[in-house]
Amino acid sequence: MQPVRVVLVEDNDVFRDALALLFDLQEEVELVASLADGSEAVGVCAKLAPDVVVLDYRLPGLDGVEVARALRYACPGIALVCLTAEIDEPAASALAEAGVTECVLKDEPFEDIVAAIKRAGNP
């Protein structure tokens, strides 16, 4: 089976770099781009055509909902997974309405994050 191709959008440099290192150790996941800002996501995804975009909810400039909406419009075939430190029901609903299929907390085990990516990338 082909690995799930992922674009990561996370503004925290340390967390983004740690995730990138962990993703590189996974046979089931291929990290094709790592971005610190949601404003670049549509252009990068249009060019690279990943299977899944993993995006933070709280991003500078465009937030996770705005990035998800833009991606859903520009790249409708890409699955969206939100990775966030915390989330309440209104935020979860807004993300779901924007096309996010999975929400995972950053403090969940890494295996759960990978499982969410695999579910999203292999519906």
PDB file of N, CA and C in Angstrom:
ATOM      1  N   MET A   1       0.842  -1.178   0.000  1.00  0.00           N
ATOM      2  CA  MET A   1       0.000   0.000   0.000  1.00  0.00           C
ATOM      3  C   MET A   1       0.888   1.243   0.000  1.00  0.00           C
ATOM      4  N   GLN A   2       0.496   2.242  -0.777  1.00  0.00           N
ATOM      5  CA  GLN A   2       1.235   3.488  -0.860  1.00  0.00           C
ATOM      6  C   GLN A   2       1.092   4.278   0.441  1.00  0.00           C
ATOM      7  N   PRO A   3       2.133   4.993   0.852  1.00  0.00           N
ATOM      8  CA  PRO A   3       1.996   5.840   2.041  1.00  0.00           C
ATOM      9  C   PRO A   3       1.035   6.995   1.782  1.00  0.00           C
ATOM     10  N   VAL A   4       0.420   7.483   2.843  1.00  0.00           N
ATOM     11  CA  VAL A   4      -0.452   8.647   2.763  1.00  0.00           C
ATOM     12  C   VAL A   4       0.450   9.877   2.654  1.00  0.00           C
ATOM     13  N   ARG A   5       0.243  10.659   1.606  1.00  0.00           N
ATOM     14  CA  ARG A   5       1.048  11.868   1.379  1.00  0.00           C
ATOM     15  C   ARG A   5       0.436  13.018   2.168  1.00  0.00           C
ATOM     16  N   VAL A   6       1.263  13.659   3.007  1.00  0.00           N
ATOM     17  CA  VAL A   6       0.769  14.639   3.977  1.00  0.00           C
ATOM     18  C   VAL A   6       1.471  15.982   3.829  1.00  0.00           C
ATOM     19  N   VAL A   7       0.661  17.044   3.939  1.00  0.00           N
ATOM     20  CA  VAL A   7       1.177  18.396   4.136  1.00  0.00           C
ATOM     21  C   VAL A   7       0.819  18.783   5.564  1.00  0.00           C
ATOM     22  N   LEU A   8       1.796  19.238   6.324  1.00  0.00           N
ATOM     23  CA  LEU A   8       1.613  19.652   7.712  1.00  0.00           C
ATOM     24  C   LEU A   8       1.620  21.175   7.784  1.00  0.00           C
ATOM     25  N   VAL A   9       0.589  21.745   8.430  1.00  0.00           N
ATOM     26  CA  VAL A   9       0.505  23.190   8.635  1.00  0.00           C
ATOM     27  C   VAL A   9       0.444  23.433  10.141  1.00  0.00           C
ATOM     28  N   GLU A  10       1.556  23.890  10.709  1.00  0.00           N
ATOM     29  CA  GLU A  10       1.699  24.053  12.166  1.00  0.00           C
ATOM     30  C   GLU A  10       2.632  25.228  12.414  1.00  0.00           C
ATOM     31  N   ASP A  11       2.175  26.217  13.187  1.00  0.00           N
ATOM     32  CA  ASP A  11       2.987  27.412  13.401  1.00  0.00           C
ATOM     33  C   ASP A  11       4.054  27.260  14.479  1.00  0.00           C
ATOM     34  N   ASN A  12       3.927  26.290  15.368  1.00  0.00           N
ATOM     35  CA  ASN A  12       4.917  26.078  16.416  1.00  0.00           C
ATOM     36  C   ASN A  12       6.105  25.327  15.808  1.00  0.00           C
ATOM     37  N   ASP A  13       7.231  26.016  15.670  1.00  0.00           N
ATOM     38  CA  ASP A  13       8.399  25.435  14.992  1.00  0.00           C
ATOM     39  C   ASP A  13       8.873  24.141  15.632  1.00  0.00           C
ATOM     40  N   VAL A  14       8.962  24.121  16.952  1.00  0.00           N
ATOM     41  CA  VAL A  14       9.469  22.934  17.651  1.00  0.00           C
ATOM     42  C   VAL A  14       8.523  21.750  17.452  1.00  0.00           C
ATOM     43  N   PHE A  15       7.230  21.980  17.614  1.00  0.00           N
ATOM     44  CA  PHE A  15       6.255  20.901  17.446  1.00  0.00           C
ATOM     45  C   PHE A  15       6.220  20.426  15.997  1.00  0.00           C
ATOM     46  N   ARG A  16       6.264  21.367  15.039  1.00  0.00           N
ATOM     47  CA  ARG A  16       6.255  21.009  13.619  1.00  0.00           C
ATOM     48  C   ARG A  16       7.480  20.166  13.265  1.00  0.00           C
ATOM     49  N   ASP A  17       8.655  20.588  13.748  1.00  0.00           N
ATOM     50  CA  ASP A  17       9.882  19.835  13.461  1.00  0.00           C
ATOM     51  C   ASP A  17       9.849  18.448  14.099  1.00  0.00           C
ATOM     52  N   ALA A  18       9.320  18.362  15.316  1.00  0.00           N
ATOM     53  CA  ALA A  18       9.211  17.057  15.992  1.00  0.00           C
ATOM     54  C   ALA A  18       8.274  16.136  15.220  1.00  0.00           C
ATOM     55  N   LEU A  19       7.128  16.662  14.796  1.00  0.00           N
ATOM     56  CA  LEU A  19       6.198  15.844  14.008  1.00  0.00           C
ATOM     57  C   LEU A  19       6.841  15.398  12.703  1.00  0.00           C
ATOM     58  N   ALA A  20       7.561  16.300  12.047  1.00  0.00           N
ATOM     59  CA  ALA A  20       8.214  15.945  10.791  1.00  0.00           C
ATOM     60  C   ALA A  20       9.188  14.788  10.995  1.00  0.00           C
ATOM     61  N   LEU A  21       9.962  14.845  12.064  1.00  0.00           N
ATOM     62  CA  LEU A  21      10.892  13.746  12.363  1.00  0.00           C
ATOM     63  C   LEU A  21      10.147  12.438  12.616  1.00  0.00           C
ATOM     64  N   LEU A  22       9.066  12.505  13.382  1.00  0.00           N
ATOM     65  CA  LEU A  22       8.286  11.299  13.681  1.00  0.00           C
ATOM     66  C   LEU A  22       7.600  10.755  12.427  1.00  0.00           C
ATOM     67  N   PHE A  23       7.077  11.640  11.587  1.00  0.00           N
ATOM     68  CA  PHE A  23       6.451  11.187  10.344  1.00  0.00           C
ATOM     69  C   PHE A  23       7.463  10.484   9.453  1.00  0.00           C
ATOM     70  N   ASP A  24       8.697  10.985   9.431  1.00  0.00           N
ATOM     71  CA  ASP A  24       9.735  10.371   8.604  1.00  0.00           C
ATOM     72  C   ASP A  24      10.039   8.932   9.023  1.00  0.00           C
ATOM     73  N   LEU A  25       9.721   8.583  10.256  1.00  0.00           N
ATOM     74  CA  LEU A  25       9.949   7.225  10.750  1.00  0.00           C
ATOM     75  C   LEU A  25       8.799   6.275  10.414  1.00  0.00           C
ATOM     76  N   GLN A  26       7.721   6.813   9.873  1.00  0.00           N
ATOM     77  CA  GLN A  26       6.530   6.024   9.573  1.00  0.00           C
ATOM     78  C   GLN A  26       6.517   5.591   8.111  1.00  0.00           C
ATOM     79  N   GLU A  27       6.352   4.301   7.858  1.00  0.00           N
ATOM     80  CA  GLU A  27       6.240   3.826   6.485  1.00  0.00           C
ATOM     81  C   GLU A  27       4.914   4.215   5.862  1.00  0.00           C
ATOM     82  N   GLU A  28       3.875   4.392   6.711  1.00  0.00           N
ATOM     83  CA  GLU A  28       2.524   4.656   6.202  1.00  0.00           C
ATOM     84  C   GLU A  28       2.298   6.118   5.871  1.00  0.00           C
ATOM     85  N   VAL A  29       3.225   7.005   6.237  1.00  0.00           N
ATOM     86  CA  VAL A  29       3.060   8.443   6.054  1.00  0.00           C
ATOM     87  C   VAL A  29       4.279   9.010   5.334  1.00  0.00           C
ATOM     88  N   GLU A  30       4.014   9.819   4.313  1.00  0.00           N
ATOM     89  CA  GLU A  30       5.090  10.528   3.614  1.00  0.00           C
ATOM     90  C   GLU A  30       4.820  12.024   3.736  1.00  0.00           C
ATOM     91  N   LEU A  31       5.641  12.718   4.480  1.00  0.00           N
ATOM     92  CA  LEU A  31       5.504  14.159   4.641  1.00  0.00           C
ATOM     93  C   LEU A  31       6.068  14.825   3.391  1.00  0.00           C
ATOM     94  N   VAL A  32       5.199  15.496   2.618  1.00  0.00           N
ATOM     95  CA  VAL A  32       5.643  16.121   1.369  1.00  0.00           C
ATOM     96  C   VAL A  32       5.907  17.611   1.524  1.00  0.00           C
ATOM     97  N   ALA A  33       5.360  18.226   2.588  1.00  0.00           N
ATOM     98  CA  ALA A  33       5.632  19.643   2.864  1.00  0.00           C
ATOM     99  C   ALA A  33       5.273  19.938   4.313  1.00  0.00           C
ATOM    100  N   SER A  34       6.000  20.893   4.877  1.00  0.00           N
ATOM    101  CA  SER A  34       5.781  21.329   6.250  1.00  0.00           C
ATOM    102  C   SER A  34       5.751  22.848   6.244  1.00  0.00           C
ATOM    103  N   LEU A  35       4.610  23.420   6.641  1.00  0.00           N
ATOM    104  CA  LEU A  35       4.402  24.866   6.543  1.00  0.00           C
ATOM    105  C   LEU A  35       4.138  25.474   7.918  1.00  0.00           C
ATOM    106  N   ALA A  36       4.623  26.690   8.119  1.00  0.00           N
ATOM    107  CA  ALA A  36       4.400  27.393   9.379  1.00  0.00           C
ATOM    108  C   ALA A  36       3.178  28.297   9.321  1.00  0.00           C
ATOM    109  N   ASP A  37       2.592  28.437   8.137  1.00  0.00           N
ATOM    110  CA  ASP A  37       1.550  29.430   7.932  1.00  0.00           C
ATOM    111  C   ASP A  37       0.487  28.885   6.988  1.00  0.00           C
ATOM    112  N   GLY A  38      -0.769  29.099   7.327  1.00  0.00           N
ATOM    113  CA  GLY A  38      -1.860  28.606   6.497  1.00  0.00           C
ATOM    114  C   GLY A  38      -2.006  29.310   5.165  1.00  0.00           C
ATOM    115  N   SER A  39      -1.446  30.509   5.032  1.00  0.00           N
ATOM    116  CA  SER A  39      -1.607  31.262   3.790  1.00  0.00           C
ATOM    117  C   SER A  39      -0.933  30.585   2.605  1.00  0.00           C
ATOM    118  N   GLU A  40       0.046  29.735   2.867  1.00  0.00           N
ATOM    119  CA  GLU A  40       0.752  29.023   1.797  1.00  0.00           C
ATOM    120  C   GLU A  40       0.085  27.704   1.425  1.00  0.00           C
ATOM    121  N   ALA A  41      -0.849  27.243   2.230  1.00  0.00           N
ATOM    122  CA  ALA A  41      -1.377  25.881   2.106  1.00  0.00           C
ATOM    123  C   ALA A  41      -2.034  25.608   0.753  1.00  0.00           C
ATOM    124  N   VAL A  42      -2.872  26.517   0.275  1.00  0.00           N
ATOM    125  CA  VAL A  42      -3.580  26.263  -0.977  1.00  0.00           C
ATOM    126  C   VAL A  42      -2.601  26.117  -2.138  1.00  0.00           C
ATOM    127  N   GLY A  43      -1.642  27.020  -2.255  1.00  0.00           N
ATOM    128  CA  GLY A  43      -0.673  26.943  -3.346  1.00  0.00           C
ATOM    129  C   GLY A  43       0.164  25.676  -3.294  1.00  0.00           C
ATOM    130  N   VAL A  44       0.630  25.340  -2.102  1.00  0.00           N
ATOM    131  CA  VAL A  44       1.453  24.130  -1.941  1.00  0.00           C
ATOM    132  C   VAL A  44       0.635  22.880  -2.258  1.00  0.00           C
ATOM    133  N   CYS A  45      -0.598  22.833  -1.765  1.00  0.00           N
ATOM    134  CA  CYS A  45      -1.430  21.647  -1.991  1.00  0.00           C
ATOM    135  C   CYS A  45      -1.850  21.519  -3.450  1.00  0.00           C
ATOM    136  N   ALA A  46      -2.115  22.631  -4.107  1.00  0.00           N
ATOM    137  CA  ALA A  46      -2.455  22.584  -5.527  1.00  0.00           C
ATOM    138  C   ALA A  46      -1.284  22.031  -6.339  1.00  0.00           C
ATOM    139  N   LYS A  47      -0.077  22.360  -5.919  1.00  0.00           N
ATOM    140  CA  LYS A  47       1.127  21.897  -6.635  1.00  0.00           C
ATOM    141  C   LYS A  47       1.473  20.440  -6.306  1.00  0.00           C
ATOM    142  N   LEU A  48       1.398  20.070  -5.021  1.00  0.00           N
ATOM    143  CA  LEU A  48       1.876  18.758  -4.589  1.00  0.00           C
ATOM    144  C   LEU A  48       0.792  17.676  -4.513  1.00  0.00           C
ATOM    145  N   ALA A  49      -0.475  18.075  -4.488  1.00  0.00           N
ATOM    146  CA  ALA A  49      -1.611  17.140  -4.424  1.00  0.00           C
ATOM    147  C   ALA A  49      -1.450  16.069  -3.337  1.00  0.00           C
ATOM    148  N   PRO A  50      -1.339  16.480  -2.074  1.00  0.00           N
ATOM    149  CA  PRO A  50      -1.246  15.480  -1.000  1.00  0.00           C
ATOM    150  C   PRO A  50      -2.587  14.778  -0.814  1.00  0.00           C
ATOM    151  N   ASP A  51      -2.553  13.673  -0.082  1.00  0.00           N
ATOM    152  CA  ASP A  51      -3.787  12.972   0.274  1.00  0.00           C
ATOM    153  C   ASP A  51      -4.473  13.665   1.444  1.00  0.00           C
ATOM    154  N   VAL A  52      -3.651  14.153   2.390  1.00  0.00           N
ATOM    155  CA  VAL A  52      -4.159  14.706   3.639  1.00  0.00           C
ATOM    156  C   VAL A  52      -3.393  15.975   3.989  1.00  0.00           C
ATOM    157  N   VAL A  53      -4.127  16.961   4.515  1.00  0.00           N
ATOM    158  CA  VAL A  53      -3.500  18.126   5.125  1.00  0.00           C
ATOM    159  C   VAL A  53      -3.789  18.044   6.618  1.00  0.00           C
ATOM    160  N   VAL A  54      -2.730  18.074   7.413  1.00  0.00           N
ATOM    161  CA  VAL A  54      -2.849  18.111   8.871  1.00  0.00           C
ATOM    162  C   VAL A  54      -2.610  19.554   9.269  1.00  0.00           C
ATOM    163  N   LEU A  55      -3.650  20.201   9.833  1.00  0.00           N
ATOM    164  CA  LEU A  55      -3.503  21.609  10.141  1.00  0.00           C
ATOM    165  C   LEU A  55      -3.873  21.916  11.576  1.00  0.00           C
ATOM    166  N   ASP A  56      -3.140  22.854  12.118  1.00  0.00           N
ATOM    167  CA  ASP A  56      -3.406  23.363  13.453  1.00  0.00           C
ATOM    168  C   ASP A  56      -4.680  24.193  13.399  1.00  0.00           C
ATOM    169  N   TYR A  57      -5.416  24.235  14.497  1.00  0.00           N
ATOM    170  CA  TYR A  57      -6.614  25.062  14.564  1.00  0.00           C
ATOM    171  C   TYR A  57      -6.256  26.535  14.735  1.00  0.00           C
ATOM    172  N   ARG A  58      -5.310  26.804  15.633  1.00  0.00           N
ATOM    173  CA  ARG A  58      -4.911  28.189  15.901  1.00  0.00           C
ATOM    174  C   ARG A  58      -3.638  28.504  15.131  1.00  0.00           C
ATOM    175  N   LEU A  59      -3.806  29.234  14.045  1.00  0.00           N
ATOM    176  CA  LEU A  59      -2.694  29.627  13.199  1.00  0.00           C
ATOM    177  C   LEU A  59      -2.664  31.146  13.098  1.00  0.00           C
ATOM    178  N   PRO A  60      -1.486  31.716  12.879  1.00  0.00           N
ATOM    179  CA  PRO A  60      -1.431  33.169  12.674  1.00  0.00           C
ATOM    180  C   PRO A  60      -2.075  33.521  11.332  1.00  0.00           C
ATOM    181  N   GLY A  61      -2.684  34.668  11.261  1.00  0.00           N
ATOM    182  CA  GLY A  61      -3.345  35.062  10.009  1.00  0.00           C
ATOM    183  C   GLY A  61      -4.625  34.271   9.842  1.00  0.00           C
ATOM    184  N   LEU A  62      -4.651  33.394   8.875  1.00  0.00           N
ATOM    185  CA  LEU A  62      -5.806  32.525   8.661  1.00  0.00           C
ATOM    186  C   LEU A  62      -5.838  31.449   9.731  1.00  0.00           C
ATOM    187  N   ASP A  63      -7.002  31.234  10.362  1.00  0.00           N
ATOM    188  CA  ASP A  63      -7.081  30.149  11.346  1.00  0.00           C
ATOM    189  C   ASP A  63      -7.399  28.831  10.632  1.00  0.00           C
ATOM    190  N   GLY A  64      -7.464  27.762  11.389  1.00  0.00           N
ATOM    191  CA  GLY A  64      -7.685  26.438  10.815  1.00  0.00           C
ATOM    192  C   GLY A  64      -8.971  26.322  10.021  1.00  0.00           C
ATOM    193  N   VAL A  65     -10.033  26.970  10.475  1.00  0.00           N
ATOM    194  CA  VAL A  65     -11.311  26.927   9.752  1.00  0.00           C
ATOM    195  C   VAL A  65     -11.169  27.625   8.402  1.00  0.00           C
ATOM    196  N   GLU A  66     -10.537  28.785   8.392  1.00  0.00           N
ATOM    197  CA  GLU A  66     -10.362  29.522   7.135  1.00  0.00           C
ATOM    198  C   GLU A  66      -9.469  28.762   6.152  1.00  0.00           C
ATOM    199  N   VAL A  67      -8.418  28.147   6.661  1.00  0.00           N
ATOM    200  CA  VAL A  67      -7.536  27.351   5.806  1.00  0.00           C
ATOM    201  C   VAL A  67      -8.299  26.149   5.262  1.00  0.00           C
ATOM    202  N   ALA A  68      -9.075  25.481   6.120  1.00  0.00           N
ATOM    203  CA  ALA A  68      -9.851  24.319   5.685  1.00  0.00           C
ATOM    204  C   ALA A  68     -10.836  24.713   4.583  1.00  0.00           C
ATOM    205  N   ARG A  69     -11.529  25.826   4.758  1.00  0.00           N
ATOM    206  CA  ARG A  69     -12.487  26.284   3.734  1.00  0.00           C
ATOM    207  C   ARG A  69     -11.777  26.558   2.410  1.00  0.00           C
ATOM    208  N   ALA A  70     -10.651  27.238   2.474  1.00  0.00           N
ATOM    209  CA  ALA A  70      -9.899  27.556   1.258  1.00  0.00           C
ATOM    210  C   ALA A  70      -9.424  26.281   0.563  1.00  0.00           C
ATOM    211  N   LEU A  71      -8.940  25.315   1.346  1.00  0.00           N
ATOM    212  CA  LEU A  71      -8.474  24.050   0.770  1.00  0.00           C
ATOM    213  C   LEU A  71      -9.631  23.263   0.178  1.00  0.00           C
ATOM    214  N   ARG A  72     -10.751  23.218   0.868  1.00  0.00           N
ATOM    215  CA  ARG A  72     -11.913  22.473   0.389  1.00  0.00           C
ATOM    216  C   ARG A  72     -12.367  23.041  -0.960  1.00  0.00           C
ATOM    217  N   TYR A  73     -12.309  24.374  -1.103  1.00  0.00           N
ATOM    218  CA  TYR A  73     -12.717  25.027  -2.350  1.00  0.00           C
ATOM    219  C   TYR A  73     -11.697  24.772  -3.466  1.00  0.00           C
ATOM    220  N   ALA A  74     -10.415  24.968  -3.173  1.00  0.00           N
ATOM    221  CA  ALA A  74      -9.369  24.894  -4.198  1.00  0.00           C
ATOM    222  C   ALA A  74      -8.928  23.466  -4.515  1.00  0.00           C
ATOM    223  N   CYS A  75      -8.962  22.593  -3.522  1.00  0.00           N
ATOM    224  CA  CYS A  75      -8.456  21.220  -3.671  1.00  0.00           C
ATOM    225  C   CYS A  75      -9.454  20.251  -3.033  1.00  0.00           C
ATOM    226  N   PRO A  76     -10.638  20.082  -3.619  1.00  0.00           N
ATOM    227  CA  PRO A  76     -11.709  19.324  -2.953  1.00  0.00           C
ATOM    228  C   PRO A  76     -11.397  17.861  -2.676  1.00  0.00           C
ATOM    229  N   GLY A  77     -10.419  17.283  -3.332  1.00  0.00           N
ATOM    230  CA  GLY A  77     -10.108  15.875  -3.114  1.00  0.00           C
ATOM    231  C   GLY A  77      -9.198  15.598  -1.930  1.00  0.00           C
ATOM    232  N   ILE A  78      -8.686  16.643  -1.290  1.00  0.00           N
ATOM    233  CA  ILE A  78      -7.751  16.477  -0.187  1.00  0.00           C
ATOM    234  C   ILE A  78      -8.518  16.315   1.127  1.00  0.00           C
ATOM    235  N   ALA A  79      -8.128  15.316   1.910  1.00  0.00           N
ATOM    236  CA  ALA A  79      -8.727  15.117   3.237  1.00  0.00           C
ATOM    237  C   ALA A  79      -8.061  16.063   4.233  1.00  0.00           C
ATOM    238  N   LEU A  80      -8.851  16.505   5.208  1.00  0.00           N
ATOM    239  CA  LEU A  80      -8.359  17.471   6.188  1.00  0.00           C
ATOM    240  C   LEU A  80      -8.456  16.901   7.597  1.00  0.00           C
ATOM    241  N   VAL A  81      -7.339  16.999   8.333  1.00  0.00           N
ATOM    242  CA  VAL A  81      -7.269  16.568   9.729  1.00  0.00           C
ATOM    243  C   VAL A  81      -6.800  17.764  10.543  1.00  0.00           C
ATOM    244  N   CYS A  82      -7.513  18.067  11.614  1.00  0.00           N
ATOM    245  CA  CYS A  82      -7.115  19.158  12.498  1.00  0.00           C
ATOM    246  C   CYS A  82      -6.350  18.579  13.682  1.00  0.00           C
ATOM    247  N   LEU A  83      -5.220  19.180  13.984  1.00  0.00           N
ATOM    248  CA  LEU A  83      -4.397  18.805  15.127  1.00  0.00           C
ATOM    249  C   LEU A  83      -4.306  20.032  16.018  1.00  0.00           C
ATOM    250  N   THR A  84      -4.852  19.948  17.225  1.00  0.00           N
ATOM    251  CA  THR A  84      -4.955  21.138  18.061  1.00  0.00           C
ATOM    252  C   THR A  84      -4.692  20.824  19.528  1.00  0.00           C
ATOM    253  N   ALA A  85      -4.312  21.847  20.273  1.00  0.00           N
ATOM    254  CA  ALA A  85      -4.052  21.677  21.706  1.00  0.00           C
ATOM    255  C   ALA A  85      -5.350  21.513  22.483  1.00  0.00           C
ATOM    256  N   GLU A  86      -6.379  22.250  22.063  1.00  0.00           N
ATOM    257  CA  GLU A  86      -7.684  22.139  22.709  1.00  0.00           C
ATOM    258  C   GLU A  86      -8.754  22.560  21.720  1.00  0.00           C
ATOM    259  N   ILE A  87      -9.966  22.078  21.952  1.00  0.00           N
ATOM    260  CA  ILE A  87     -11.055  22.422  21.045  1.00  0.00           C
ATOM    261  C   ILE A  87     -12.373  22.340  21.795  1.00  0.00           C
ATOM    262  N   ASP A  88     -13.246  23.286  21.494  1.00  0.00           N
ATOM    263  CA  ASP A  88     -14.576  23.244  22.097  1.00  0.00           C
ATOM    264  C   ASP A  88     -15.587  22.866  21.009  1.00  0.00           C
ATOM    265  N   GLU A  89     -16.825  22.670  21.413  1.00  0.00           N
ATOM    266  CA  GLU A  89     -17.849  22.208  20.469  1.00  0.00           C
ATOM    267  C   GLU A  89     -18.094  23.184  19.319  1.00  0.00           C
ATOM    268  N   PRO A  90     -18.202  24.498  19.575  1.00  0.00           N
ATOM    269  CA  PRO A  90     -18.391  25.409  18.433  1.00  0.00           C
ATOM    270  C   PRO A  90     -17.241  25.341  17.419  1.00  0.00           C
ATOM    271  N   ALA A  91     -16.011  25.232  17.907  1.00  0.00           N
ATOM    272  CA  ALA A  91     -14.855  25.136  17.003  1.00  0.00           C
ATOM    273  C   ALA A  91     -14.890  23.820  16.233  1.00  0.00           C
ATOM    274  N   ALA A  92     -15.199  22.719  16.918  1.00  0.00           N
ATOM    275  CA  ALA A  92     -15.281  21.418  16.253  1.00  0.00           C
ATOM    276  C   ALA A  92     -16.357  21.434  15.171  1.00  0.00           C
ATOM    277  N   SER A  93     -17.490  22.067  15.457  1.00  0.00           N
ATOM    278  CA  SER A  93     -18.572  22.166  14.470  1.00  0.00           C
ATOM    279  C   SER A  93     -18.142  23.001  13.272  1.00  0.00           C
ATOM    280  N   ALA A  94     -17.466  24.130  13.531  1.00  0.00           N
ATOM    281  CA  ALA A  94     -16.996  24.985  12.443  1.00  0.00           C
ATOM    282  C   ALA A  94     -15.989  24.248  11.562  1.00  0.00           C
ATOM    283  N   LEU A  95     -15.099  23.486  12.183  1.00  0.00           N
ATOM    284  CA  LEU A  95     -14.123  22.704  11.419  1.00  0.00           C
ATOM    285  C   LEU A  95     -14.820  21.641  10.574  1.00  0.00           C
ATOM    286  N   ALA A  96     -15.791  20.952  11.164  1.00  0.00           N
ATOM    287  CA  ALA A  96     -16.526  19.924  10.420  1.00  0.00           C
ATOM    288  C   ALA A  96     -17.261  20.546   9.230  1.00  0.00           C
ATOM    289  N   GLU A  97     -17.887  21.694   9.443  1.00  0.00           N
ATOM    290  CA  GLU A  97     -18.581  22.382   8.355  1.00  0.00           C
ATOM    291  C   GLU A  97     -17.613  22.818   7.261  1.00  0.00           C
ATOM    292  N   ALA A  98     -16.369  23.084   7.630  1.00  0.00           N
ATOM    293  CA  ALA A  98     -15.348  23.495   6.660  1.00  0.00           C
ATOM    294  C   ALA A  98     -14.730  22.304   5.934  1.00  0.00           C
ATOM    295  N   GLY A  99     -15.083  21.082   6.351  1.00  0.00           N
ATOM    296  CA  GLY A  99     -14.594  19.897   5.648  1.00  0.00           C
ATOM    297  C   GLY A  99     -13.575  19.058   6.383  1.00  0.00           C
ATOM    298  N   VAL A 100     -13.262  19.410   7.635  1.00  0.00           N
ATOM    299  CA  VAL A 100     -12.316  18.609   8.422  1.00  0.00           C
ATOM    300  C   VAL A 100     -13.008  17.319   8.853  1.00  0.00           C
ATOM    301  N   THR A 101     -12.379  16.179   8.559  1.00  0.00           N
ATOM    302  CA  THR A 101     -12.999  14.890   8.879  1.00  0.00           C
ATOM    303  C   THR A 101     -12.527  14.297  10.200  1.00  0.00           C
ATOM    304  N   GLU A 102     -11.379  14.747  10.675  1.00  0.00           N
ATOM    305  CA  GLU A 102     -10.824  14.227  11.932  1.00  0.00           C
ATOM    306  C   GLU A 102     -10.254  15.387  12.738  1.00  0.00           C
ATOM    307  N   CYS A 103     -10.486  15.371  14.053  1.00  0.00           N
ATOM    308  CA  CYS A 103      -9.847  16.312  14.976  1.00  0.00           C
ATOM    309  C   CYS A 103      -9.093  15.497  16.021  1.00  0.00           C
ATOM    310  N   VAL A 104      -7.816  15.803  16.190  1.00  0.00           N
ATOM    311  CA  VAL A 104      -6.972  15.074  17.123  1.00  0.00           C
ATOM    312  C   VAL A 104      -6.280  16.088  18.024  1.00  0.00           C
ATOM    313  N   LEU A 105      -6.238  15.787  19.301  1.00  0.00           N
ATOM    314  CA  LEU A 105      -5.538  16.663  20.240  1.00  0.00           C
ATOM    315  C   LEU A 105      -4.040  16.401  20.173  1.00  0.00           C
ATOM    316  N   LYS A 106      -3.252  17.459  20.319  1.00  0.00           N
ATOM    317  CA  LYS A 106      -1.794  17.341  20.228  1.00  0.00           C
ATOM    318  C   LYS A 106      -1.200  16.456  21.313  1.00  0.00           C
ATOM    319  N   ASP A 107      -1.894  16.335  22.443  1.00  0.00           N
ATOM    320  CA  ASP A 107      -1.332  15.513  23.525  1.00  0.00           C
ATOM    321  C   ASP A 107      -1.767  14.044  23.447  1.00  0.00           C
ATOM    322  N   GLU A 108      -2.498  13.673  22.406  1.00  0.00           N
ATOM    323  CA  GLU A 108      -2.844  12.263  22.217  1.00  0.00           C
ATOM    324  C   GLU A 108      -1.586  11.506  21.775  1.00  0.00           C
ATOM    325  N   PRO A 109      -1.554  10.198  21.990  1.00  0.00           N
ATOM    326  CA  PRO A 109      -0.390   9.425  21.542  1.00  0.00           C
ATOM    327  C   PRO A 109      -0.153   9.604  20.036  1.00  0.00           C
ATOM    328  N   PHE A 110       1.110   9.614  19.658  1.00  0.00           N
ATOM    329  CA  PHE A 110       1.465   9.804  18.256  1.00  0.00           C
ATOM    330  C   PHE A 110       0.781   8.766  17.367  1.00  0.00           C
ATOM    331  N   GLU A 111       0.621   7.550  17.872  1.00  0.00           N
ATOM    332  CA  GLU A 111      -0.033   6.500  17.095  1.00  0.00           C
ATOM    333  C   GLU A 111      -1.462   6.890  16.740  1.00  0.00           C
ATOM    334  N   ASP A 112      -2.145   7.620  17.630  1.00  0.00           N
ATOM    335  CA  ASP A 112      -3.510   8.077  17.356  1.00  0.00           C
ATOM    336  C   ASP A 112      -3.525   9.144  16.263  1.00  0.00           C
ATOM    337  N   ILE A 113      -2.509   9.991  16.247  1.00  0.00           N
ATOM    338  CA  ILE A 113      -2.400  11.004  15.196  1.00  0.00           C
ATOM    339  C   ILE A 113      -2.187  10.326  13.853  1.00  0.00           C
ATOM    340  N   VAL A 114      -1.303   9.348  13.802  1.00  0.00           N
ATOM    341  CA  VAL A 114      -1.040   8.607  12.563  1.00  0.00           C
ATOM    342  C   VAL A 114      -2.299   7.854  12.134  1.00  0.00           C
ATOM    343  N   ALA A 115      -3.006   7.256  13.083  1.00  0.00           N
ATOM    344  CA  ALA A 115      -4.237   6.528  12.749  1.00  0.00           C
ATOM    345  C   ALA A 115      -5.270   7.452  12.128  1.00  0.00           C
ATOM    346  N   ALA A 116      -5.400   8.673  12.660  1.00  0.00           N
ATOM    347  CA  ALA A 116      -6.355   9.637  12.101  1.00  0.00           C
ATOM    348  C   ALA A 116      -5.957  10.019  10.672  1.00  0.00           C
ATOM    349  N   ILE A 117      -4.677  10.204  10.454  1.00  0.00           N
ATOM    350  CA  ILE A 117      -4.192  10.527   9.102  1.00  0.00           C
ATOM    351  C   ILE A 117      -4.483   9.376   8.136  1.00  0.00           C
ATOM    352  N   LYS A 118      -4.225   8.162   8.582  1.00  0.00           N
ATOM    353  CA  LYS A 118      -4.475   7.000   7.725  1.00  0.00           C
ATOM    354  C   LYS A 118      -5.961   6.846   7.427  1.00  0.00           C
ATOM    355  N   ARG A 119      -6.828   7.068   8.421  1.00  0.00           N
ATOM    356  CA  ARG A 119      -8.271   6.982   8.181  1.00  0.00           C
ATOM    357  C   ARG A 119      -8.702   8.038   7.168  1.00  0.00           C
ATOM    358  N   ALA A 120      -8.204   9.243   7.327  1.00  0.00           N
ATOM    359  CA  ALA A 120      -8.577  10.331   6.432  1.00  0.00           C
ATOM    360  C   ALA A 120      -8.051  10.078   5.012  1.00  0.00           C
ATOM    361  N   GLY A 121      -6.852   9.547   4.914  1.00  0.00           N
ATOM    362  CA  GLY A 121      -6.221   9.337   3.617  1.00  0.00           C
ATOM    363  C   GLY A 121      -6.658   8.093   2.893  1.00  0.00           C
ATOM    364  N   ASN A 122      -7.291   7.176   3.607  1.00  0.00           N
ATOM    365  CA  ASN A 122      -7.764   5.917   3.026  1.00  0.00           C
ATOM    366  C   ASN A 122      -9.216   5.684   3.424  1.00  0.00           C
ATOM    367  N   PRO A 123     -10.112   6.536   2.923  1.00  0.00           N
ATOM    368  CA  PRO A 123     -11.520   6.408   3.359  1.00  0.00           C
ATOM    369  C   PRO A 123     -12.161   5.110   2.907  1.00  0.00           C
TER     370      PRO A 123
END
